[in-house]
Amino acid sequence: MKTLDFLSEHIGISFQQSDSYGDWLGFEIDSVKKEENKVITSLLIRRDHVSPTGAVHGGVVSGFLDSSLGCAMVTIMDKGQMCSTVELNVKFFKPLSPGDKIIAESEVIHKGRTLCTVIANVYKSDAPDIPVALATATFNRYQLKQ
C-alpha cells in the first residue's frame, strides 16, 4: 500500500499534494497491526539509491525509516490528526546493496498527549535474524485545521 492510500484509509485524510518522494523511494506498507501500534514496511534497494562510493546512501534508509516510523504513528492517531517528526536517530549496522529488500518493523512505544516515541528494527528479507539498522524517533501529533 502507498502512503496516501494508507493515510486516507486510516485517518480519513485526502491530500491534494502527491507523495513524489515516497513514490521515488519506492517503499511499501505491508502490514498494519493497529491494536499493537505496529506497522511493517519494505523497500527494495535500487541502483539509484546508491551513493558514488557504491554503498546505499544513508539518506535513503533514513528517509525510509522516517516514513515507516510515521506510519506506525498513524495506528494511534484519531481521524483528522497528523504527525510530524521532531527527532530521528538511525544506527546503521550492515551495508546494503542494490537488490536487497529491507523490512522495517515499527512500533509506537510511548504515547504522550502530543509527543510520542517510535522504534524500528530493520533487517534484510532473506536474513530476518540479522539487524541492518535501528531507528528511534519522536513525533508530534496534532489536529489538522479544517
C-alpha atoms as a PDB file:
ATOM      1  CA  MET A   1       0.000   0.000   0.000  1.00  0.00           C
ATOM      2  CA  LYS A   2       1.220   3.502  -0.775  1.00  0.00           C
ATOM      3  CA  THR A   3       1.344   6.309   1.803  1.00  0.00           C
ATOM      4  CA  LEU A   4      -1.556   8.443   0.565  1.00  0.00           C
ATOM      5  CA  ASP A   5      -3.890   5.436   0.370  1.00  0.00           C
ATOM      6  CA  PHE A   6      -2.773   4.412   3.873  1.00  0.00           C
ATOM      7  CA  LEU A   7      -3.475   7.866   5.327  1.00  0.00           C
ATOM      8  CA  SER A   8      -6.841   8.095   3.626  1.00  0.00           C
ATOM      9  CA  GLU A   9      -7.884   4.670   4.906  1.00  0.00           C
ATOM     10  CA  HIS A  10      -6.623   5.026   8.485  1.00  0.00           C
ATOM     11  CA  ILE A  11      -7.146   8.678   9.400  1.00  0.00           C
ATOM     12  CA  GLY A  12      -9.622   9.825   6.770  1.00  0.00           C
ATOM     13  CA  ILE A  13      -7.418  12.470   5.165  1.00  0.00           C
ATOM     14  CA  SER A  14      -7.141  13.075   1.438  1.00  0.00           C
ATOM     15  CA  PHE A  15      -4.256  15.213   0.245  1.00  0.00           C
ATOM     16  CA  GLN A  16      -4.170  17.493  -2.782  1.00  0.00           C
ATOM     17  CA  GLN A  17      -0.376  17.149  -2.963  1.00  0.00           C
ATOM     18  CA  SER A  18       1.205  13.989  -4.375  1.00  0.00           C
ATOM     19  CA  ASP A  19       3.795  11.934  -2.488  1.00  0.00           C
ATOM     20  CA  SER A  20       6.561  12.285  -5.086  1.00  0.00           C
ATOM     21  CA  TYR A  21       9.323  11.489  -2.598  1.00  0.00           C
ATOM     22  CA  GLY A  22       7.599   8.353  -1.296  1.00  0.00           C
ATOM     23  CA  ASP A  23       6.854   7.257  -4.849  1.00  0.00           C
ATOM     24  CA  TRP A  24      10.517   7.743  -5.872  1.00  0.00           C
ATOM     25  CA  LEU A  25      11.802   5.990  -2.756  1.00  0.00           C
ATOM     26  CA  GLY A  26       9.537   3.045  -3.528  1.00  0.00           C
ATOM     27  CA  PHE A  27       8.670   1.759  -0.059  1.00  0.00           C
ATOM     28  CA  GLU A  28       5.546  -0.278   0.604  1.00  0.00           C
ATOM     29  CA  ILE A  29       3.323  -0.590   3.667  1.00  0.00           C
ATOM     30  CA  ASP A  30       2.993  -4.351   4.006  1.00  0.00           C
ATOM     31  CA  SER A  31       1.016  -4.844   7.202  1.00  0.00           C
ATOM     32  CA  VAL A  32      -0.727  -2.817   9.875  1.00  0.00           C
ATOM     33  CA  LYS A  33      -1.367  -4.127  13.396  1.00  0.00           C
ATOM     34  CA  LYS A  34      -3.395  -1.244  14.797  1.00  0.00           C
ATOM     35  CA  GLU A  35      -4.168  -2.998  18.091  1.00  0.00           C
ATOM     36  CA  GLU A  36      -0.407  -3.462  18.675  1.00  0.00           C
ATOM     37  CA  ASN A  37       0.581   0.011  17.351  1.00  0.00           C
ATOM     38  CA  LYS A  38       2.831  -1.680  14.756  1.00  0.00           C
ATOM     39  CA  VAL A  39       3.452  -1.367  11.041  1.00  0.00           C
ATOM     40  CA  ILE A  40       5.671  -3.443   8.754  1.00  0.00           C
ATOM     41  CA  THR A  41       7.116  -1.729   5.690  1.00  0.00           C
ATOM     42  CA  SER A  42       9.574  -2.782   2.996  1.00  0.00           C
ATOM     43  CA  LEU A  43      11.943  -1.230   0.491  1.00  0.00           C
ATOM     44  CA  LEU A  44      13.706  -2.847  -2.449  1.00  0.00           C
ATOM     45  CA  ILE A  45      17.132  -1.198  -2.790  1.00  0.00           C
ATOM     46  CA  ARG A  46      17.732   0.065  -6.352  1.00  0.00           C
ATOM     47  CA  ARG A  47      20.766   1.371  -8.246  1.00  0.00           C
ATOM     48  CA  ASP A  48      19.547   4.969  -7.890  1.00  0.00           C
ATOM     49  CA  HIS A  49      19.643   4.549  -4.081  1.00  0.00           C
ATOM     50  CA  VAL A  50      23.436   4.080  -4.222  1.00  0.00           C
ATOM     51  CA  SER A  51      25.942   6.843  -3.424  1.00  0.00           C
ATOM     52  CA  PRO A  52      29.096   7.439  -5.509  1.00  0.00           C
ATOM     53  CA  THR A  53      31.004   5.196  -3.076  1.00  0.00           C
ATOM     54  CA  GLY A  54      28.923   2.202  -4.195  1.00  0.00           C
ATOM     55  CA  ALA A  55      27.078   1.872  -0.882  1.00  0.00           C
ATOM     56  CA  VAL A  56      23.426   2.661  -0.355  1.00  0.00           C
ATOM     57  CA  HIS A  57      23.116   6.297   0.679  1.00  0.00           C
ATOM     58  CA  GLY A  58      22.271   6.646   4.384  1.00  0.00           C
ATOM     59  CA  GLY A  59      19.627   9.194   3.471  1.00  0.00           C
ATOM     60  CA  VAL A  60      17.684   6.536   1.578  1.00  0.00           C
ATOM     61  CA  VAL A  61      17.495   4.298   4.643  1.00  0.00           C
ATOM     62  CA  SER A  62      16.807   7.295   6.910  1.00  0.00           C
ATOM     63  CA  GLY A  63      14.008   8.515   4.641  1.00  0.00           C
ATOM     64  CA  PHE A  64      12.522   5.020   4.516  1.00  0.00           C
ATOM     65  CA  LEU A  65      12.651   4.815   8.317  1.00  0.00           C
ATOM     66  CA  ASP A  66      11.157   8.272   8.829  1.00  0.00           C
ATOM     67  CA  SER A  67       8.209   7.197   6.677  1.00  0.00           C
ATOM     68  CA  SER A  68       7.957   3.774   8.353  1.00  0.00           C
ATOM     69  CA  LEU A  69       8.002   5.237  11.851  1.00  0.00           C
ATOM     70  CA  GLY A  70       5.416   7.828  10.805  1.00  0.00           C
ATOM     71  CA  CYS A  71       3.165   5.048   9.529  1.00  0.00           C
ATOM     72  CA  ALA A  72       3.329   3.414  12.960  1.00  0.00           C
ATOM     73  CA  MET A  73       2.191   6.734  14.445  1.00  0.00           C
ATOM     74  CA  VAL A  74      -0.960   6.519  12.338  1.00  0.00           C
ATOM     75  CA  THR A  75      -2.026   3.469  14.384  1.00  0.00           C
ATOM     76  CA  ILE A  76      -2.574   5.711  17.436  1.00  0.00           C
ATOM     77  CA  MET A  77      -3.985   8.801  15.746  1.00  0.00           C
ATOM     78  CA  ASP A  78      -7.628   9.795  15.583  1.00  0.00           C
ATOM     79  CA  LYS A  79      -9.403  10.846  12.402  1.00  0.00           C
ATOM     80  CA  GLY A  80      -8.226  14.285  11.343  1.00  0.00           C
ATOM     81  CA  GLN A  81      -4.921  14.097  13.210  1.00  0.00           C
ATOM     82  CA  MET A  82      -1.475  14.285  11.636  1.00  0.00           C
ATOM     83  CA  CYS A  83       2.081  13.980  12.929  1.00  0.00           C
ATOM     84  CA  SER A  84       5.476  15.484  12.241  1.00  0.00           C
ATOM     85  CA  THR A  85       8.965  14.235  13.022  1.00  0.00           C
ATOM     86  CA  VAL A  86      10.637  16.040  15.916  1.00  0.00           C
ATOM     87  CA  GLU A  87      13.740  13.844  16.156  1.00  0.00           C
ATOM     88  CA  LEU A  88      15.092  10.872  14.175  1.00  0.00           C
ATOM     89  CA  ASN A  89      18.069   8.723  15.153  1.00  0.00           C
ATOM     90  CA  VAL A  90      19.328   5.927  12.890  1.00  0.00           C
ATOM     91  CA  LYS A  91      22.079   3.439  13.663  1.00  0.00           C
ATOM     92  CA  PHE A  92      23.480   1.525  10.681  1.00  0.00           C
ATOM     93  CA  PHE A  93      24.885  -1.960  11.357  1.00  0.00           C
ATOM     94  CA  LYS A  94      25.340  -3.599   7.932  1.00  0.00           C
ATOM     95  CA  PRO A  95      25.871  -2.319   4.392  1.00  0.00           C
ATOM     96  CA  LEU A  96      23.155  -2.696   1.775  1.00  0.00           C
ATOM     97  CA  SER A  97      23.387  -3.271  -1.969  1.00  0.00           C
ATOM     98  CA  PRO A  98      21.047  -2.942  -4.938  1.00  0.00           C
ATOM     99  CA  GLY A  99      18.705  -5.928  -4.968  1.00  0.00           C
ATOM    100  CA  ASP A 100      18.491  -6.150  -1.165  1.00  0.00           C
ATOM    101  CA  LYS A 101      14.968  -5.958   0.192  1.00  0.00           C
ATOM    102  CA  ILE A 102      14.787  -4.458   3.670  1.00  0.00           C
ATOM    103  CA  ILE A 103      11.952  -4.818   6.143  1.00  0.00           C
ATOM    104  CA  ALA A 104      11.208  -2.358   8.954  1.00  0.00           C
ATOM    105  CA  GLU A 105       9.098  -3.363  11.932  1.00  0.00           C
ATOM    106  CA  SER A 106       7.986  -0.100  13.526  1.00  0.00           C
ATOM    107  CA  GLU A 107       6.167   0.240  16.851  1.00  0.00           C
ATOM    108  CA  VAL A 108       4.894   3.115  18.977  1.00  0.00           C
ATOM    109  CA  ILE A 109       6.369   2.552  22.461  1.00  0.00           C
ATOM    110  CA  HIS A 110       5.277   5.767  24.209  1.00  0.00           C
ATOM    111  CA  LYS A 111       2.026   7.672  23.664  1.00  0.00           C
ATOM    112  CA  GLY A 112       2.042  11.120  25.207  1.00  0.00           C
ATOM    113  CA  ARG A 113      -0.659  13.716  24.686  1.00  0.00           C
ATOM    114  CA  THR A 114       1.332  15.322  21.868  1.00  0.00           C
ATOM    115  CA  LEU A 115       4.814  13.728  21.825  1.00  0.00           C
ATOM    116  CA  CYS A 116       5.223  10.032  21.050  1.00  0.00           C
ATOM    117  CA  THR A 117       8.220   7.704  20.701  1.00  0.00           C
ATOM    118  CA  VAL A 118       8.520   5.086  17.974  1.00  0.00           C
ATOM    119  CA  ILE A 119      11.196   2.444  17.311  1.00  0.00           C
ATOM    120  CA  ALA A 120      12.015   0.400  14.220  1.00  0.00           C
ATOM    121  CA  ASN A 121      14.152  -2.668  13.693  1.00  0.00           C
ATOM    122  CA  VAL A 122      15.397  -3.237  10.161  1.00  0.00           C
ATOM    123  CA  TYR A 123      16.622  -6.437   8.557  1.00  0.00           C
ATOM    124  CA  LYS A 124      17.032  -7.929   5.073  1.00  0.00           C
ATOM    125  CA  SER A 125      14.108 -10.041   3.921  1.00  0.00           C
ATOM    126  CA  ASP A 126      16.430 -13.022   3.413  1.00  0.00           C
ATOM    127  CA  ALA A 127      18.118 -12.674   6.849  1.00  0.00           C
ATOM    128  CA  PRO A 128      15.473 -11.750   9.453  1.00  0.00           C
ATOM    129  CA  ASP A 129      17.748 -12.620  12.398  1.00  0.00           C
ATOM    130  CA  ILE A 130      20.489 -10.149  11.399  1.00  0.00           C
ATOM    131  CA  PRO A 131      19.707  -6.473  12.090  1.00  0.00           C
ATOM    132  CA  VAL A 132      20.934  -3.979   9.494  1.00  0.00           C
ATOM    133  CA  ALA A 133      19.673  -0.803  11.215  1.00  0.00           C
ATOM    134  CA  LEU A 134      17.798   0.502  14.237  1.00  0.00           C
ATOM    135  CA  ALA A 135      15.838   3.732  14.447  1.00  0.00           C
ATOM    136  CA  THR A 136      14.180   5.725  17.195  1.00  0.00           C
ATOM    137  CA  ALA A 137      12.073   8.807  16.662  1.00  0.00           C
ATOM    138  CA  THR A 138       9.943  11.344  18.464  1.00  0.00           C
ATOM    139  CA  PHE A 139       6.819  12.592  16.723  1.00  0.00           C
ATOM    140  CA  ASN A 140       4.464  15.472  17.454  1.00  0.00           C
ATOM    141  CA  ARG A 141       0.813  14.622  16.862  1.00  0.00           C
ATOM    142  CA  TYR A 142      -1.679  17.392  16.256  1.00  0.00           C
ATOM    143  CA  GLN A 143      -5.186  18.083  14.990  1.00  0.00           C
ATOM    144  CA  LEU A 144      -5.403  19.362  11.427  1.00  0.00           C
ATOM    145  CA  LYS A 145      -7.235  22.635  10.965  1.00  0.00           C
ATOM    146  CA  GLN A 146     -10.444  22.316   8.983  1.00  0.00           C
END
